Amino acid sequence: MNEITGKVWNFGAHIDTDIIIAARYLNSSDPEHLAKYIMEDVDPDFTSKMQRGDIIVAGENFGCGSSREHAPIALKAAGIAAVIAPSFARIFYRNAFNMGLPIFELPESLDIKEGEKISINLDNGTIINLTTKKEYKFTAIPEFMQELIATGGLINYAKKEMEEGK
C-alpha cells in the first residue's frame, strides 16, 4: 500500500472522538456496526454520501477527547482510506496506527477542499491534489509505523512476526 487515492471530505479543527463515533453507539465494539455512525453528529448523512476509499481532511487536533480506540476502528471499517490534518491528538495518533488506519500530518491540510481528489504517496512523502495539481510534502511516517499500516494494525503485525519466528 504505497499509494492512496480518494475523494476528500472536509471537517474542521478539534474533531473529537465523540464526534467521530458518538458514545451512544459504544455498547458494541463490532467495527461494521460502528462504521454506520461515523461523523453522524456533525453530518447525519455522511455514511450515505461517502464511499470506501474516501479521505478525511481536517483541521488541527483531530481525534482529541477520550482515548477510545473505537474512533479509528469505526473510520477504517467505514472505508475511510486515510485522515490528513495538521496535528492529531497523541492517543488517537497511536490508536490509528495500532488499528492500521493511515494518518498524515500536513500543516496546510485545509488548502485541500471537499470533493477534490487526492493521491497520497507513502514512498516519496507527497500528497498530490489531482483536481488542482498542487503538490504537498507531509511529515514522514517512520518505517515501523508504515509496516503497521501495511499489515492492518498492531495485532496483525504481531501475528506476522510470530509466524515468521521473530
N, C-alpha and C. Protein backbone atom coordinates (compact mmCIF):
# COMPACT_ATOMS: atom_id res chain seq x y z
N MET A 1 0.84 -1.17 0.00
CA MET A 1 0.00 0.00 0.00
C MET A 1 0.89 1.24 0.00
N ASN A 2 1.43 1.57 -1.11
CA ASN A 2 2.30 2.73 -1.19
C ASN A 2 1.61 3.97 -1.70
N GLU A 3 0.37 3.82 -2.19
CA GLU A 3 -0.37 4.97 -2.68
C GLU A 3 -1.84 4.83 -2.32
N ILE A 4 -2.40 5.94 -1.89
CA ILE A 4 -3.82 6.01 -1.54
C ILE A 4 -4.42 7.14 -2.36
N THR A 5 -5.49 6.84 -3.08
CA THR A 5 -6.15 7.86 -3.89
C THR A 5 -7.63 7.86 -3.53
N GLY A 6 -8.19 9.06 -3.31
CA GLY A 6 -9.60 9.12 -2.98
C GLY A 6 -10.15 10.53 -2.98
N LYS A 7 -11.45 10.60 -2.80
CA LYS A 7 -12.19 11.86 -2.73
C LYS A 7 -12.10 12.41 -1.31
N VAL A 8 -12.03 13.72 -1.20
CA VAL A 8 -11.86 14.40 0.08
C VAL A 8 -13.19 14.81 0.71
N TRP A 9 -13.25 14.62 2.03
CA TRP A 9 -14.33 15.16 2.86
C TRP A 9 -13.66 16.04 3.91
N ASN A 10 -14.12 17.29 4.03
CA ASN A 10 -13.52 18.23 4.98
C ASN A 10 -14.28 18.28 6.30
N PHE A 11 -13.50 18.36 7.37
CA PHE A 11 -14.03 18.60 8.71
C PHE A 11 -13.10 19.61 9.37
N GLY A 12 -13.58 20.32 10.35
CA GLY A 12 -12.83 21.40 10.98
C GLY A 12 -11.81 20.94 11.99
N ALA A 13 -11.40 21.87 12.82
CA ALA A 13 -10.41 21.61 13.86
C ALA A 13 -11.08 20.99 15.09
N HIS A 14 -10.28 20.31 15.88
CA HIS A 14 -10.70 19.76 17.18
C HIS A 14 -11.87 18.78 17.05
N ILE A 15 -11.83 17.96 16.02
CA ILE A 15 -12.85 16.91 15.87
C ILE A 15 -12.50 15.83 16.89
N ASP A 16 -13.35 15.72 17.92
CA ASP A 16 -13.02 14.76 18.98
C ASP A 16 -13.60 13.38 18.70
N THR A 17 -13.19 12.42 19.52
CA THR A 17 -13.60 11.04 19.28
C THR A 17 -15.11 10.86 19.45
N ASP A 18 -15.75 11.73 20.23
CA ASP A 18 -17.21 11.66 20.36
C ASP A 18 -17.92 12.13 19.09
N ILE A 19 -17.26 12.97 18.30
CA ILE A 19 -17.82 13.38 17.01
C ILE A 19 -17.56 12.27 15.98
N ILE A 20 -16.39 11.67 16.04
CA ILE A 20 -16.06 10.59 15.10
C ILE A 20 -17.05 9.44 15.28
N ILE A 21 -17.23 8.99 16.50
CA ILE A 21 -18.23 7.95 16.81
C ILE A 21 -18.83 8.29 18.18
N ALA A 22 -20.11 8.62 18.18
CA ALA A 22 -20.78 9.07 19.40
C ALA A 22 -20.82 7.95 20.45
N ALA A 23 -20.70 8.35 21.70
CA ALA A 23 -20.67 7.41 22.82
C ALA A 23 -21.92 6.52 22.87
N ARG A 24 -23.05 7.02 22.37
CA ARG A 24 -24.29 6.22 22.44
C ARG A 24 -24.20 4.92 21.62
N TYR A 25 -23.21 4.82 20.73
CA TYR A 25 -23.05 3.60 19.92
C TYR A 25 -22.01 2.65 20.47
N LEU A 26 -21.40 3.01 21.58
CA LEU A 26 -20.28 2.21 22.10
C LEU A 26 -20.71 1.02 22.94
N ASN A 27 -22.00 0.68 22.88
CA ASN A 27 -22.44 -0.55 23.52
C ASN A 27 -22.06 -1.76 22.67
N SER A 28 -21.48 -1.49 21.52
CA SER A 28 -20.98 -2.53 20.61
C SER A 28 -19.53 -2.21 20.25
N SER A 29 -18.74 -3.22 20.08
CA SER A 29 -17.39 -2.99 19.57
C SER A 29 -17.23 -3.64 18.19
N ASP A 30 -18.35 -3.99 17.58
CA ASP A 30 -18.32 -4.54 16.24
C ASP A 30 -17.99 -3.44 15.23
N PRO A 31 -16.86 -3.55 14.53
CA PRO A 31 -16.46 -2.50 13.60
C PRO A 31 -17.51 -2.15 12.55
N GLU A 32 -18.20 -3.15 12.02
CA GLU A 32 -19.20 -2.89 10.98
C GLU A 32 -20.39 -2.11 11.53
N HIS A 33 -20.76 -2.39 12.77
CA HIS A 33 -21.85 -1.64 13.41
C HIS A 33 -21.41 -0.19 13.64
N LEU A 34 -20.23 0.00 14.19
CA LEU A 34 -19.72 1.35 14.47
C LEU A 34 -19.58 2.16 13.17
N ALA A 35 -19.18 1.51 12.10
CA ALA A 35 -18.94 2.19 10.82
C ALA A 35 -20.18 2.92 10.30
N LYS A 36 -21.35 2.45 10.65
CA LYS A 36 -22.61 3.05 10.17
C LYS A 36 -22.84 4.45 10.73
N TYR A 37 -22.13 4.81 11.80
CA TYR A 37 -22.45 6.04 12.53
C TYR A 37 -21.32 7.06 12.60
N ILE A 38 -20.26 6.88 11.81
CA ILE A 38 -19.15 7.84 11.90
C ILE A 38 -19.60 9.23 11.48
N MET A 39 -19.13 10.21 12.21
CA MET A 39 -19.36 11.64 11.94
C MET A 39 -20.84 12.03 11.96
N GLU A 40 -21.68 11.18 12.50
CA GLU A 40 -23.13 11.39 12.46
C GLU A 40 -23.57 12.71 13.10
N ASP A 41 -22.94 13.10 14.20
CA ASP A 41 -23.38 14.31 14.90
C ASP A 41 -22.99 15.60 14.18
N VAL A 42 -22.03 15.54 13.27
CA VAL A 42 -21.65 16.73 12.51
C VAL A 42 -22.26 16.69 11.10
N ASP A 43 -22.52 15.48 10.57
CA ASP A 43 -23.15 15.31 9.26
C ASP A 43 -23.94 14.01 9.28
N PRO A 44 -25.24 14.07 9.62
CA PRO A 44 -26.05 12.85 9.75
C PRO A 44 -26.08 11.97 8.50
N ASP A 45 -25.82 12.54 7.33
CA ASP A 45 -25.87 11.77 6.09
C ASP A 45 -24.49 11.33 5.60
N PHE A 46 -23.46 11.55 6.40
CA PHE A 46 -22.09 11.30 5.94
C PHE A 46 -21.90 9.88 5.41
N THR A 47 -22.32 8.87 6.16
CA THR A 47 -22.05 7.50 5.72
C THR A 47 -22.82 7.13 4.44
N SER A 48 -23.91 7.82 4.17
CA SER A 48 -24.63 7.51 2.92
C SER A 48 -24.01 8.26 1.73
N LYS A 49 -23.26 9.32 1.99
CA LYS A 49 -22.63 10.10 0.92
C LYS A 49 -21.22 9.61 0.60
N MET A 50 -20.48 9.19 1.60
CA MET A 50 -19.09 8.79 1.38
C MET A 50 -19.01 7.41 0.72
N GLN A 51 -17.86 7.12 0.17
CA GLN A 51 -17.62 5.81 -0.43
C GLN A 51 -16.33 5.24 0.13
N ARG A 52 -16.23 3.92 0.10
CA ARG A 52 -14.99 3.27 0.54
C ARG A 52 -13.83 3.86 -0.26
N GLY A 53 -12.74 4.17 0.43
CA GLY A 53 -11.58 4.74 -0.22
C GLY A 53 -11.51 6.26 -0.13
N ASP A 54 -12.57 6.89 0.39
CA ASP A 54 -12.56 8.34 0.57
C ASP A 54 -11.60 8.73 1.69
N ILE A 55 -11.23 10.00 1.71
CA ILE A 55 -10.21 10.52 2.63
C ILE A 55 -10.79 11.69 3.41
N ILE A 56 -10.57 11.70 4.72
CA ILE A 56 -10.98 12.83 5.55
C ILE A 56 -9.79 13.79 5.66
N VAL A 57 -10.06 15.07 5.41
CA VAL A 57 -9.08 16.15 5.59
C VAL A 57 -9.67 17.09 6.63
N ALA A 58 -8.92 17.32 7.69
CA ALA A 58 -9.47 18.09 8.81
C ALA A 58 -8.48 19.13 9.32
N GLY A 59 -8.94 19.90 10.28
CA GLY A 59 -8.10 20.89 10.94
C GLY A 59 -7.30 20.26 12.06
N GLU A 60 -6.65 21.10 12.83
CA GLU A 60 -5.72 20.64 13.86
C GLU A 60 -6.42 19.86 14.97
N ASN A 61 -5.62 19.03 15.64
CA ASN A 61 -6.02 18.28 16.83
C ASN A 61 -7.12 17.26 16.56
N PHE A 62 -7.08 16.63 15.40
CA PHE A 62 -8.08 15.61 15.05
C PHE A 62 -7.95 14.44 16.04
N GLY A 63 -9.09 13.96 16.51
CA GLY A 63 -9.10 12.81 17.41
C GLY A 63 -8.89 13.14 18.87
N CYS A 64 -9.08 14.41 19.24
CA CYS A 64 -8.92 14.79 20.65
C CYS A 64 -10.08 14.18 21.45
N GLY A 65 -10.05 14.36 22.75
CA GLY A 65 -11.11 13.83 23.59
C GLY A 65 -10.70 12.54 24.25
N SER A 66 -11.63 11.62 24.36
CA SER A 66 -11.35 10.37 25.07
C SER A 66 -10.38 9.50 24.29
N SER A 67 -9.82 8.55 24.98
CA SER A 67 -8.77 7.73 24.38
C SER A 67 -9.30 6.47 23.70
N ARG A 68 -10.59 6.40 23.48
CA ARG A 68 -11.16 5.16 22.95
C ARG A 68 -10.63 4.82 21.55
N GLU A 69 -10.32 3.55 21.37
CA GLU A 69 -9.84 3.09 20.07
C GLU A 69 -10.97 2.86 19.08
N HIS A 70 -12.22 3.00 19.54
CA HIS A 70 -13.38 2.82 18.65
C HIS A 70 -13.35 3.81 17.48
N ALA A 71 -12.80 5.01 17.70
CA ALA A 71 -12.82 6.03 16.64
C ALA A 71 -12.04 5.58 15.40
N PRO A 72 -10.77 5.22 15.51
CA PRO A 72 -10.08 4.76 14.30
C PRO A 72 -10.63 3.44 13.76
N ILE A 73 -11.11 2.58 14.65
CA ILE A 73 -11.71 1.32 14.19
C ILE A 73 -12.92 1.62 13.31
N ALA A 74 -13.79 2.53 13.77
CA ALA A 74 -15.01 2.86 13.02
C ALA A 74 -14.68 3.51 11.69
N LEU A 75 -13.71 4.44 11.68
CA LEU A 75 -13.31 5.09 10.42
C LEU A 75 -12.80 4.07 9.42
N LYS A 76 -11.93 3.20 9.88
CA LYS A 76 -11.36 2.18 8.99
C LYS A 76 -12.44 1.23 8.48
N ALA A 77 -13.32 0.78 9.37
CA ALA A 77 -14.38 -0.15 8.97
C ALA A 77 -15.35 0.49 7.98
N ALA A 78 -15.54 1.81 8.08
CA ALA A 78 -16.43 2.51 7.15
C ALA A 78 -15.80 2.66 5.77
N GLY A 79 -14.50 2.43 5.69
CA GLY A 79 -13.82 2.52 4.40
C GLY A 79 -13.03 3.79 4.21
N ILE A 80 -12.89 4.60 5.26
CA ILE A 80 -12.04 5.79 5.14
C ILE A 80 -10.61 5.30 4.91
N ALA A 81 -10.01 5.75 3.83
CA ALA A 81 -8.68 5.25 3.45
C ALA A 81 -7.56 5.94 4.21
N ALA A 82 -7.80 7.18 4.65
CA ALA A 82 -6.77 7.94 5.37
C ALA A 82 -7.39 9.19 5.96
N VAL A 83 -6.67 9.76 6.93
CA VAL A 83 -7.05 11.06 7.50
C VAL A 83 -5.83 11.95 7.42
N ILE A 84 -6.06 13.18 6.98
CA ILE A 84 -4.98 14.18 6.87
C ILE A 84 -5.38 15.37 7.74
N ALA A 85 -4.45 15.84 8.57
CA ALA A 85 -4.70 17.00 9.42
C ALA A 85 -3.35 17.61 9.80
N PRO A 86 -3.34 18.88 10.24
CA PRO A 86 -2.08 19.48 10.67
C PRO A 86 -1.51 18.80 11.92
N SER A 87 -2.42 18.30 12.79
CA SER A 87 -1.98 17.61 14.00
C SER A 87 -3.08 16.68 14.47
N PHE A 88 -2.67 15.69 15.26
CA PHE A 88 -3.59 14.70 15.81
C PHE A 88 -3.37 14.64 17.32
N ALA A 89 -4.44 14.35 18.05
CA ALA A 89 -4.28 14.08 19.47
C ALA A 89 -3.38 12.86 19.58
N ARG A 90 -2.46 12.88 20.50
CA ARG A 90 -1.43 11.82 20.59
C ARG A 90 -2.03 10.43 20.75
N ILE A 91 -3.04 10.26 21.60
CA ILE A 91 -3.60 8.92 21.78
C ILE A 91 -4.31 8.45 20.52
N PHE A 92 -4.99 9.36 19.82
CA PHE A 92 -5.62 8.99 18.55
C PHE A 92 -4.56 8.60 17.54
N TYR A 93 -3.47 9.36 17.49
CA TYR A 93 -2.36 9.07 16.58
C TYR A 93 -1.89 7.63 16.77
N ARG A 94 -1.63 7.26 18.00
CA ARG A 94 -1.14 5.91 18.29
C ARG A 94 -2.22 4.87 18.00
N ASN A 95 -3.45 5.13 18.43
CA ASN A 95 -4.54 4.18 18.17
C ASN A 95 -4.76 3.97 16.68
N ALA A 96 -4.66 5.03 15.88
CA ALA A 96 -4.85 4.90 14.44
C ALA A 96 -3.83 3.94 13.84
N PHE A 97 -2.58 4.12 14.18
CA PHE A 97 -1.55 3.21 13.66
C PHE A 97 -1.74 1.80 14.20
N ASN A 98 -2.11 1.67 15.48
CA ASN A 98 -2.35 0.35 16.05
C ASN A 98 -3.48 -0.38 15.34
N MET A 99 -4.45 0.37 14.82
CA MET A 99 -5.59 -0.21 14.11
C MET A 99 -5.36 -0.30 12.60
N GLY A 100 -4.24 0.26 12.13
CA GLY A 100 -3.93 0.19 10.70
C GLY A 100 -4.60 1.27 9.87
N LEU A 101 -5.01 2.37 10.50
CA LEU A 101 -5.62 3.50 9.78
C LEU A 101 -4.53 4.51 9.45
N PRO A 102 -4.23 4.73 8.17
CA PRO A 102 -3.19 5.70 7.81
C PRO A 102 -3.61 7.13 8.11
N ILE A 103 -2.74 7.85 8.80
CA ILE A 103 -2.97 9.27 9.08
C ILE A 103 -1.71 10.04 8.71
N PHE A 104 -1.91 11.27 8.25
CA PHE A 104 -0.80 12.07 7.74
C PHE A 104 -0.88 13.48 8.28
N GLU A 105 0.23 13.99 8.79
CA GLU A 105 0.29 15.36 9.29
C GLU A 105 0.71 16.29 8.16
N LEU A 106 -0.15 17.24 7.88
CA LEU A 106 0.09 18.21 6.82
C LEU A 106 -0.40 19.57 7.29
N PRO A 107 0.52 20.52 7.56
CA PRO A 107 0.11 21.83 8.08
C PRO A 107 -0.92 22.55 7.21
N GLU A 108 -0.80 22.43 5.89
CA GLU A 108 -1.73 23.13 5.01
C GLU A 108 -2.89 22.25 4.55
N SER A 109 -3.31 21.32 5.41
CA SER A 109 -4.36 20.36 5.05
C SER A 109 -5.63 21.03 4.54
N LEU A 110 -6.03 22.14 5.15
CA LEU A 110 -7.30 22.74 4.77
C LEU A 110 -7.24 23.52 3.46
N ASP A 111 -6.07 23.53 2.80
CA ASP A 111 -5.99 24.03 1.42
C ASP A 111 -6.70 23.05 0.48
N ILE A 112 -6.82 21.80 0.91
CA ILE A 112 -7.46 20.75 0.11
C ILE A 112 -8.96 20.81 0.42
N LYS A 113 -9.75 21.00 -0.60
CA LYS A 113 -11.19 21.25 -0.43
C LYS A 113 -12.04 19.99 -0.64
N GLU A 114 -13.18 20.00 0.00
CA GLU A 114 -14.11 18.88 -0.11
C GLU A 114 -14.47 18.63 -1.57
N GLY A 115 -14.50 17.36 -1.94
CA GLY A 115 -14.85 16.96 -3.29
C GLY A 115 -13.66 16.81 -4.21
N GLU A 116 -12.52 17.39 -3.83
CA GLU A 116 -11.32 17.24 -4.66
C GLU A 116 -10.80 15.81 -4.52
N LYS A 117 -10.06 15.38 -5.50
CA LYS A 117 -9.47 14.06 -5.48
C LYS A 117 -7.98 14.21 -5.24
N ILE A 118 -7.45 13.41 -4.31
CA ILE A 118 -6.03 13.49 -4.00
C ILE A 118 -5.38 12.11 -4.05
N SER A 119 -4.07 12.13 -4.17
CA SER A 119 -3.28 10.90 -4.15
C SER A 119 -2.15 11.07 -3.14
N ILE A 120 -2.04 10.14 -2.22
CA ILE A 120 -1.02 10.16 -1.17
C ILE A 120 0.01 9.10 -1.52
N ASN A 121 1.26 9.51 -1.65
CA ASN A 121 2.34 8.57 -1.97
C ASN A 121 3.23 8.42 -0.75
N LEU A 122 3.18 7.23 -0.13
CA LEU A 122 3.97 6.98 1.07
C LEU A 122 5.46 6.88 0.76
N ASP A 123 5.81 6.42 -0.43
CA ASP A 123 7.22 6.25 -0.77
C ASP A 123 7.97 7.57 -0.85
N ASN A 124 7.35 8.57 -1.48
CA ASN A 124 8.07 9.84 -1.62
C ASN A 124 7.52 10.95 -0.72
N GLY A 125 6.55 10.61 0.15
CA GLY A 125 6.05 11.58 1.13
C GLY A 125 5.31 12.75 0.54
N THR A 126 4.54 12.49 -0.52
CA THR A 126 3.81 13.59 -1.15
C THR A 126 2.32 13.31 -1.22
N ILE A 127 1.59 14.41 -1.23
CA ILE A 127 0.16 14.38 -1.50
C ILE A 127 -0.04 15.26 -2.72
N ILE A 128 -0.64 14.69 -3.74
CA ILE A 128 -0.92 15.46 -4.95
C ILE A 128 -2.42 15.65 -5.05
N ASN A 129 -2.82 16.91 -5.14
CA ASN A 129 -4.22 17.23 -5.37
C ASN A 129 -4.45 17.05 -6.87
N LEU A 130 -5.13 15.98 -7.23
CA LEU A 130 -5.35 15.66 -8.64
C LEU A 130 -6.31 16.65 -9.30
N THR A 131 -7.09 17.36 -8.50
CA THR A 131 -8.03 18.35 -9.02
C THR A 131 -7.31 19.66 -9.37
N THR A 132 -6.47 20.14 -8.45
CA THR A 132 -5.79 21.43 -8.65
C THR A 132 -4.35 21.29 -9.13
N LYS A 133 -3.82 20.07 -9.10
CA LYS A 133 -2.43 19.74 -9.49
C LYS A 133 -1.38 20.27 -8.50
N LYS A 134 -1.82 20.70 -7.32
CA LYS A 134 -0.88 21.18 -6.31
C LYS A 134 -0.28 19.99 -5.57
N GLU A 135 0.99 20.11 -5.22
CA GLU A 135 1.69 19.04 -4.51
C GLU A 135 2.10 19.52 -3.12
N TYR A 136 1.97 18.62 -2.14
CA TYR A 136 2.33 18.91 -0.75
C TYR A 136 3.28 17.82 -0.25
N LYS A 137 4.16 18.20 0.66
CA LYS A 137 5.03 17.23 1.35
C LYS A 137 4.47 17.04 2.75
N PHE A 138 4.28 15.79 3.16
CA PHE A 138 3.79 15.54 4.52
C PHE A 138 4.92 15.04 5.40
N THR A 139 4.68 15.13 6.71
CA THR A 139 5.64 14.64 7.68
C THR A 139 5.82 13.14 7.50
N ALA A 140 7.05 12.72 7.34
CA ALA A 140 7.35 11.31 7.08
C ALA A 140 6.82 10.40 8.19
N ILE A 141 6.35 9.25 7.79
CA ILE A 141 5.89 8.24 8.73
C ILE A 141 7.05 7.26 8.93
N PRO A 142 7.43 7.00 10.18
CA PRO A 142 8.52 6.05 10.42
C PRO A 142 8.24 4.69 9.78
N GLU A 143 9.29 4.03 9.34
CA GLU A 143 9.17 2.76 8.62
C GLU A 143 8.36 1.73 9.41
N PHE A 144 8.61 1.62 10.71
CA PHE A 144 7.88 0.65 11.53
C PHE A 144 6.37 0.93 11.47
N MET A 145 6.00 2.21 11.53
CA MET A 145 4.58 2.54 11.51
C MET A 145 3.99 2.31 10.12
N GLN A 146 4.79 2.44 9.09
CA GLN A 146 4.32 2.06 7.75
C GLN A 146 4.03 0.57 7.70
N GLU A 147 4.86 -0.21 8.39
CA GLU A 147 4.62 -1.66 8.46
C GLU A 147 3.31 -1.96 9.18
N LEU A 148 3.02 -1.21 10.24
CA LEU A 148 1.76 -1.41 10.95
C LEU A 148 0.58 -1.19 10.01
N ILE A 149 0.65 -0.13 9.21
CA ILE A 149 -0.43 0.16 8.25
C ILE A 149 -0.52 -0.96 7.22
N ALA A 150 0.62 -1.36 6.67
CA ALA A 150 0.64 -2.37 5.61
C ALA A 150 0.06 -3.71 6.07
N THR A 151 0.27 -4.05 7.35
CA THR A 151 -0.24 -5.33 7.85
C THR A 151 -1.64 -5.22 8.44
N GLY A 152 -2.19 -4.01 8.51
CA GLY A 152 -3.54 -3.84 9.00
C GLY A 152 -3.63 -3.55 10.49
N GLY A 153 -2.51 -3.20 11.11
CA GLY A 153 -2.52 -2.83 12.52
C GLY A 153 -1.58 -3.67 13.36
N LEU A 154 -1.48 -3.30 14.62
CA LEU A 154 -0.53 -3.91 15.53
C LEU A 154 -0.76 -5.40 15.76
N ILE A 155 -2.01 -5.81 15.91
CA ILE A 155 -2.29 -7.23 16.15
C ILE A 155 -1.87 -8.07 14.95
N ASN A 156 -2.22 -7.63 13.74
CA ASN A 156 -1.81 -8.36 12.54
C ASN A 156 -0.30 -8.37 12.39
N TYR A 157 0.34 -7.25 12.72
CA TYR A 157 1.80 -7.17 12.67
C TYR A 157 2.43 -8.18 13.63
N ALA A 158 1.91 -8.26 14.86
CA ALA A 158 2.44 -9.20 15.85
C ALA A 158 2.23 -10.65 15.39
N LYS A 159 1.06 -10.95 14.81
CA LYS A 159 0.81 -12.31 14.30
C LYS A 159 1.81 -12.67 13.21
N LYS A 160 2.06 -11.73 12.32
CA LYS A 160 3.02 -11.95 11.23
C LYS A 160 4.42 -12.22 11.79
N GLU A 161 4.81 -11.42 12.77
CA GLU A 161 6.12 -11.60 13.39
C GLU A 161 6.23 -12.96 14.06
N MET A 162 5.17 -13.39 14.73
CA MET A 162 5.19 -14.70 15.39
C MET A 162 5.24 -15.84 14.37
N GLU A 163 4.51 -15.70 13.26
CA GLU A 163 4.54 -16.71 12.22
C GLU A 163 5.91 -16.84 11.59
N GLU A 164 6.59 -15.71 11.48
CA GLU A 164 7.93 -15.70 10.88
C GLU A 164 9.00 -16.08 11.91
N GLY A 165 8.58 -16.30 13.16
CA GLY A 165 9.51 -16.72 14.19
C GLY A 165 10.45 -15.64 14.67
N LYS A 166 10.03 -14.39 14.59
CA LYS A 166 10.90 -13.29 15.02
C LYS A 166 10.71 -12.98 16.48
